[in-house]
């Protein structure tokens, strides 16, 4: 077992309940300053290293035999994080383990695993309206996006647009902002970005990674 030398950001049960009440009522919740400064810096630096190493690959749509590259639908580049080998992010993995445990405890879900990747949207790219669920599968229960854009300003674009009956909502991709939402319910899109847009995007799963197609 690897030893952590970074202190996790702790939240009280009351705070978790506030988040989950909002998630239950609105199908999404926005949480600012989610990670400690030290863990956020680790994630940010890890992203920069992977970009410098050209480790991010063009993202596609669909899964298994249906996977295709469709630039007219999404324009991001991704790096899938391996929790076993990407040990620079150990503190993040533990923080997410804690969030999953609280989700299972308070939302009575049976999340058994989670997965995530780095995502980079170059200037002029976007992701059209969609649900975070593959056809014929319901493995993804909750989606989450952690933004890494330290200097984001109004006009930079790349907002997350959530579609709602009472009116669409645009969420700014500000640094250390976590958005948690129901994967099979919340239709959303990434608006065209006017500058490079960075995030860590993932899903909480009701089956272990790799078993969702069964």
Protein backbone atom coordinates (compact mmCIF):
# COMPACT_ATOMS: atom_id res chain seq x y z
CA UNK A 1 0.00 0.00 0.00
CA UNK A 2 1.37 3.43 -0.96
CA UNK A 3 1.63 6.05 1.77
CA UNK A 4 0.16 9.51 1.22
CA UNK A 5 2.02 12.59 2.43
CA UNK A 6 -0.68 15.01 1.29
CA UNK A 7 -3.55 15.96 3.56
CA UNK A 8 -6.94 15.43 1.97
CA UNK A 9 -9.59 18.11 2.08
CA UNK A 10 -12.13 16.95 4.65
CA UNK A 11 -15.84 17.73 4.57
CA UNK A 12 -18.41 17.22 7.28
CA UNK A 13 -21.39 14.92 6.85
CA UNK A 14 -23.58 18.04 6.91
CA UNK A 15 -21.79 19.45 3.87
CA UNK A 16 -22.12 16.17 1.98
CA UNK A 17 -25.84 16.09 2.79
CA UNK A 18 -26.27 19.63 1.45
CA UNK A 19 -24.56 18.66 -1.80
CA UNK A 20 -26.57 15.47 -2.21
CA UNK A 21 -29.88 17.16 -1.39
CA UNK A 22 -29.19 19.62 -4.20
CA UNK A 23 -28.16 16.78 -6.52
CA UNK A 24 -31.37 14.91 -5.73
CA UNK A 25 -33.54 17.97 -6.32
CA UNK A 26 -31.87 19.43 -9.43
CA UNK A 27 -30.03 16.37 -10.86
CA UNK A 28 -26.73 18.28 -10.58
CA UNK A 29 -24.67 20.21 -8.06
CA UNK A 30 -21.80 22.68 -8.44
CA UNK A 31 -19.05 22.57 -5.80
CA UNK A 32 -16.35 25.26 -5.77
CA UNK A 33 -12.83 24.79 -4.34
CA UNK A 34 -13.37 21.05 -4.10
CA UNK A 35 -9.74 19.95 -3.75
CA UNK A 36 -7.09 21.25 -1.39
CA UNK A 37 -4.60 23.62 -3.00
CA UNK A 38 -1.90 20.96 -2.81
CA UNK A 39 -3.94 18.23 -4.49
CA UNK A 40 -5.23 20.64 -7.13
CA UNK A 41 -1.63 21.62 -7.91
CA UNK A 42 -0.72 17.94 -8.30
CA UNK A 43 -3.56 17.39 -10.78
CA UNK A 44 -2.75 20.58 -12.68
CA UNK A 45 0.96 19.71 -12.96
CA UNK A 46 0.13 16.14 -14.02
CA UNK A 47 -2.06 17.55 -16.81
CA UNK A 48 0.74 19.81 -18.02
CA UNK A 49 3.22 16.92 -18.11
CA UNK A 50 0.84 14.74 -20.13
CA UNK A 51 0.20 17.56 -22.60
CA UNK A 52 3.92 18.21 -22.98
CA UNK A 53 4.46 14.48 -23.59
CA UNK A 54 1.71 14.43 -26.27
CA UNK A 55 -0.06 11.75 -24.22
CA UNK A 56 -3.55 13.06 -24.95
CA UNK A 57 -5.31 11.39 -27.88
CA UNK A 58 -8.27 12.51 -29.98
CA UNK A 59 -11.49 11.52 -28.26
CA UNK A 60 -14.25 9.61 -30.02
CA UNK A 61 -17.87 8.66 -29.41
CA UNK A 62 -19.45 5.29 -28.69
CA UNK A 63 -17.84 2.23 -27.17
CA UNK A 64 -16.25 -1.05 -28.19
CA UNK A 65 -17.06 -1.77 -31.86
CA UNK A 66 -19.16 1.41 -32.15
CA UNK A 67 -16.30 3.75 -31.24
CA UNK A 68 -15.66 6.42 -33.88
CA UNK A 69 -13.88 9.75 -34.16
CA UNK A 70 -16.41 12.46 -34.96
CA UNK A 71 -14.84 15.93 -35.03
CA UNK A 72 -18.20 17.52 -35.85
CA UNK A 73 -19.59 16.22 -32.52
CA UNK A 74 -16.68 16.60 -30.09
CA UNK A 75 -13.25 18.15 -30.38
CA UNK A 76 -11.44 17.22 -27.19
CA UNK A 77 -8.27 15.22 -26.57
CA UNK A 78 -8.12 12.85 -23.62
CA UNK A 79 -5.77 10.82 -21.45
CA UNK A 80 -7.34 7.95 -19.50
CA UNK A 81 -6.01 7.80 -15.96
CA UNK A 82 -4.84 4.46 -14.60
CA UNK A 83 -5.27 4.41 -10.83
CA UNK A 84 -2.60 1.70 -10.53
CA UNK A 85 0.18 3.36 -12.50
CA UNK A 86 -0.55 7.11 -12.34
CA UNK A 87 0.67 7.26 -8.77
CA UNK A 88 1.28 11.01 -8.93
CA UNK A 89 -2.49 11.30 -8.43
CA UNK A 90 -2.77 8.96 -5.44
CA UNK A 91 -4.21 11.71 -3.24
CA UNK A 92 -6.85 12.46 -5.85
CA UNK A 93 -7.79 8.78 -6.06
CA UNK A 94 -8.27 8.66 -2.30
CA UNK A 95 -10.32 11.87 -2.33
CA UNK A 96 -12.58 10.36 -5.00
CA UNK A 97 -12.84 7.10 -3.05
CA UNK A 98 -14.17 9.14 -0.15
CA UNK A 99 -16.71 10.89 -2.37
CA UNK A 100 -17.91 7.54 -3.75
CA UNK A 101 -18.28 6.17 -0.22
CA UNK A 102 -20.42 9.15 0.77
CA UNK A 103 -22.53 8.79 -2.40
CA UNK A 104 -23.23 5.16 -1.56
CA UNK A 105 -24.00 6.00 2.05
CA UNK A 106 -26.32 8.96 1.57
CA UNK A 107 -27.80 8.39 -1.88
CA UNK A 108 -28.20 4.62 -1.39
CA UNK A 109 -26.46 3.87 -4.66
CA UNK A 110 -24.26 0.85 -5.34
CA UNK A 111 -21.27 2.53 -6.94
CA UNK A 112 -18.56 -0.10 -7.27
CA UNK A 113 -15.91 1.79 -9.24
CA UNK A 114 -15.06 5.06 -10.95
CA UNK A 115 -13.05 6.10 -13.98
CA UNK A 116 -11.77 9.39 -15.28
CA UNK A 117 -9.64 11.04 -17.91
CA UNK A 118 -7.95 14.34 -18.58
CA UNK A 119 -9.71 16.34 -21.28
CA UNK A 120 -8.31 19.22 -23.32
CA UNK A 121 -10.39 21.30 -25.72
CA UNK A 122 -8.25 23.39 -28.09
CA UNK A 123 -9.52 26.81 -29.13
CA UNK A 124 -12.58 26.56 -31.39
CA UNK A 125 -13.69 23.09 -30.22
CA UNK A 126 -16.84 21.93 -28.44
CA UNK A 127 -18.95 18.86 -27.58
CA UNK A 128 -22.50 18.77 -28.86
CA UNK A 129 -25.55 18.04 -26.69
CA UNK A 130 -25.52 14.50 -25.28
CA UNK A 131 -26.08 12.20 -22.33
CA UNK A 132 -23.20 10.45 -20.56
CA UNK A 133 -24.60 7.01 -21.30
CA UNK A 134 -23.75 4.56 -24.08
CA UNK A 135 -26.53 2.99 -26.10
CA UNK A 136 -27.73 -0.22 -24.45
CA UNK A 137 -25.71 0.39 -21.27
CA UNK A 138 -26.45 2.03 -17.94
CA UNK A 139 -23.15 1.56 -16.16
CA UNK A 140 -22.55 5.26 -15.61
CA UNK A 141 -24.59 6.52 -12.68
CA UNK A 142 -23.03 9.87 -11.84
CA UNK A 143 -20.76 12.09 -13.93
CA UNK A 144 -18.27 14.59 -12.57
CA UNK A 145 -16.12 17.30 -14.08
CA UNK A 146 -13.29 19.03 -12.25
CA UNK A 147 -12.06 22.14 -14.04
CA UNK A 148 -8.37 23.09 -14.17
CA UNK A 149 -8.54 26.50 -15.87
CA UNK A 150 -6.71 28.85 -13.51
CA UNK A 151 -7.12 32.03 -15.55
CA UNK A 152 -10.59 31.49 -17.03
CA UNK A 153 -12.46 34.76 -17.70
CA UNK A 154 -15.85 35.67 -19.11
CA UNK A 155 -15.61 35.39 -22.89
CA UNK A 156 -13.15 32.48 -22.85
CA UNK A 157 -16.03 30.09 -23.62
CA UNK A 158 -16.06 26.38 -22.90
CA UNK A 159 -18.95 26.60 -20.45
CA UNK A 160 -20.88 23.47 -19.54
CA UNK A 161 -24.46 24.01 -20.69
CA UNK A 162 -27.05 21.98 -18.81
CA UNK A 163 -30.43 21.67 -20.51
CA UNK A 164 -33.45 22.10 -18.21
CA UNK A 165 -37.17 22.58 -18.74
CA UNK A 166 -37.08 25.82 -16.75
CA UNK A 167 -34.24 27.20 -18.88
CA UNK A 168 -30.72 26.19 -19.84
CA UNK A 169 -27.87 26.88 -17.41
CA UNK A 170 -24.29 27.68 -18.40
CA UNK A 171 -21.61 26.79 -15.83
CA UNK A 172 -18.24 28.52 -16.09
CA UNK A 173 -15.25 26.10 -16.15
CA UNK A 174 -13.38 27.80 -13.32
CA UNK A 175 -10.39 26.21 -11.64
CA UNK A 176 -11.14 23.68 -8.87
CA UNK A 177 -14.87 23.73 -9.56
CA UNK A 178 -16.49 20.29 -9.44
CA UNK A 179 -19.78 19.61 -11.21
CA UNK A 180 -21.56 16.38 -10.25
CA UNK A 181 -24.64 15.25 -12.19
CA UNK A 182 -26.80 12.25 -13.04
CA UNK A 183 -25.30 10.57 -16.11
CA UNK A 184 -28.45 9.16 -17.67
CA UNK A 185 -30.66 12.18 -16.97
CA UNK A 186 -28.80 15.44 -17.53
CA UNK A 187 -28.43 16.45 -21.17
CA UNK A 188 -25.48 18.78 -21.58
CA UNK A 189 -22.92 20.17 -23.99
CA UNK A 190 -19.57 21.94 -23.93
CA UNK A 191 -19.84 25.33 -25.61
CA UNK A 192 -17.20 26.43 -28.09
CA UNK A 193 -14.04 27.47 -26.28
CA UNK A 194 -12.07 30.56 -27.23
CA UNK A 195 -8.99 29.33 -25.39
CA UNK A 196 -7.59 25.99 -24.30
CA UNK A 197 -9.99 24.33 -21.82
CA UNK A 198 -8.74 21.75 -19.30
CA UNK A 199 -10.66 19.40 -17.06
CA UNK A 200 -10.68 16.04 -15.37
CA UNK A 201 -13.86 14.21 -16.35
CA UNK A 202 -15.13 10.96 -14.92
CA UNK A 203 -17.98 8.66 -14.01
CA UNK A 204 -19.13 6.67 -11.02
CA UNK A 205 -20.07 3.17 -12.15
CA UNK A 206 -22.42 0.48 -10.88
CA UNK A 207 -20.09 -2.19 -12.30
CA UNK A 208 -16.29 -2.29 -12.20
CA UNK A 209 -14.45 -0.65 -15.08
CA UNK A 210 -14.62 -2.91 -18.13
CA UNK A 211 -17.76 -4.78 -17.10
CA UNK A 212 -20.35 -2.21 -18.11
CA UNK A 213 -21.03 -3.87 -21.44
CA UNK A 214 -22.09 -7.19 -19.85
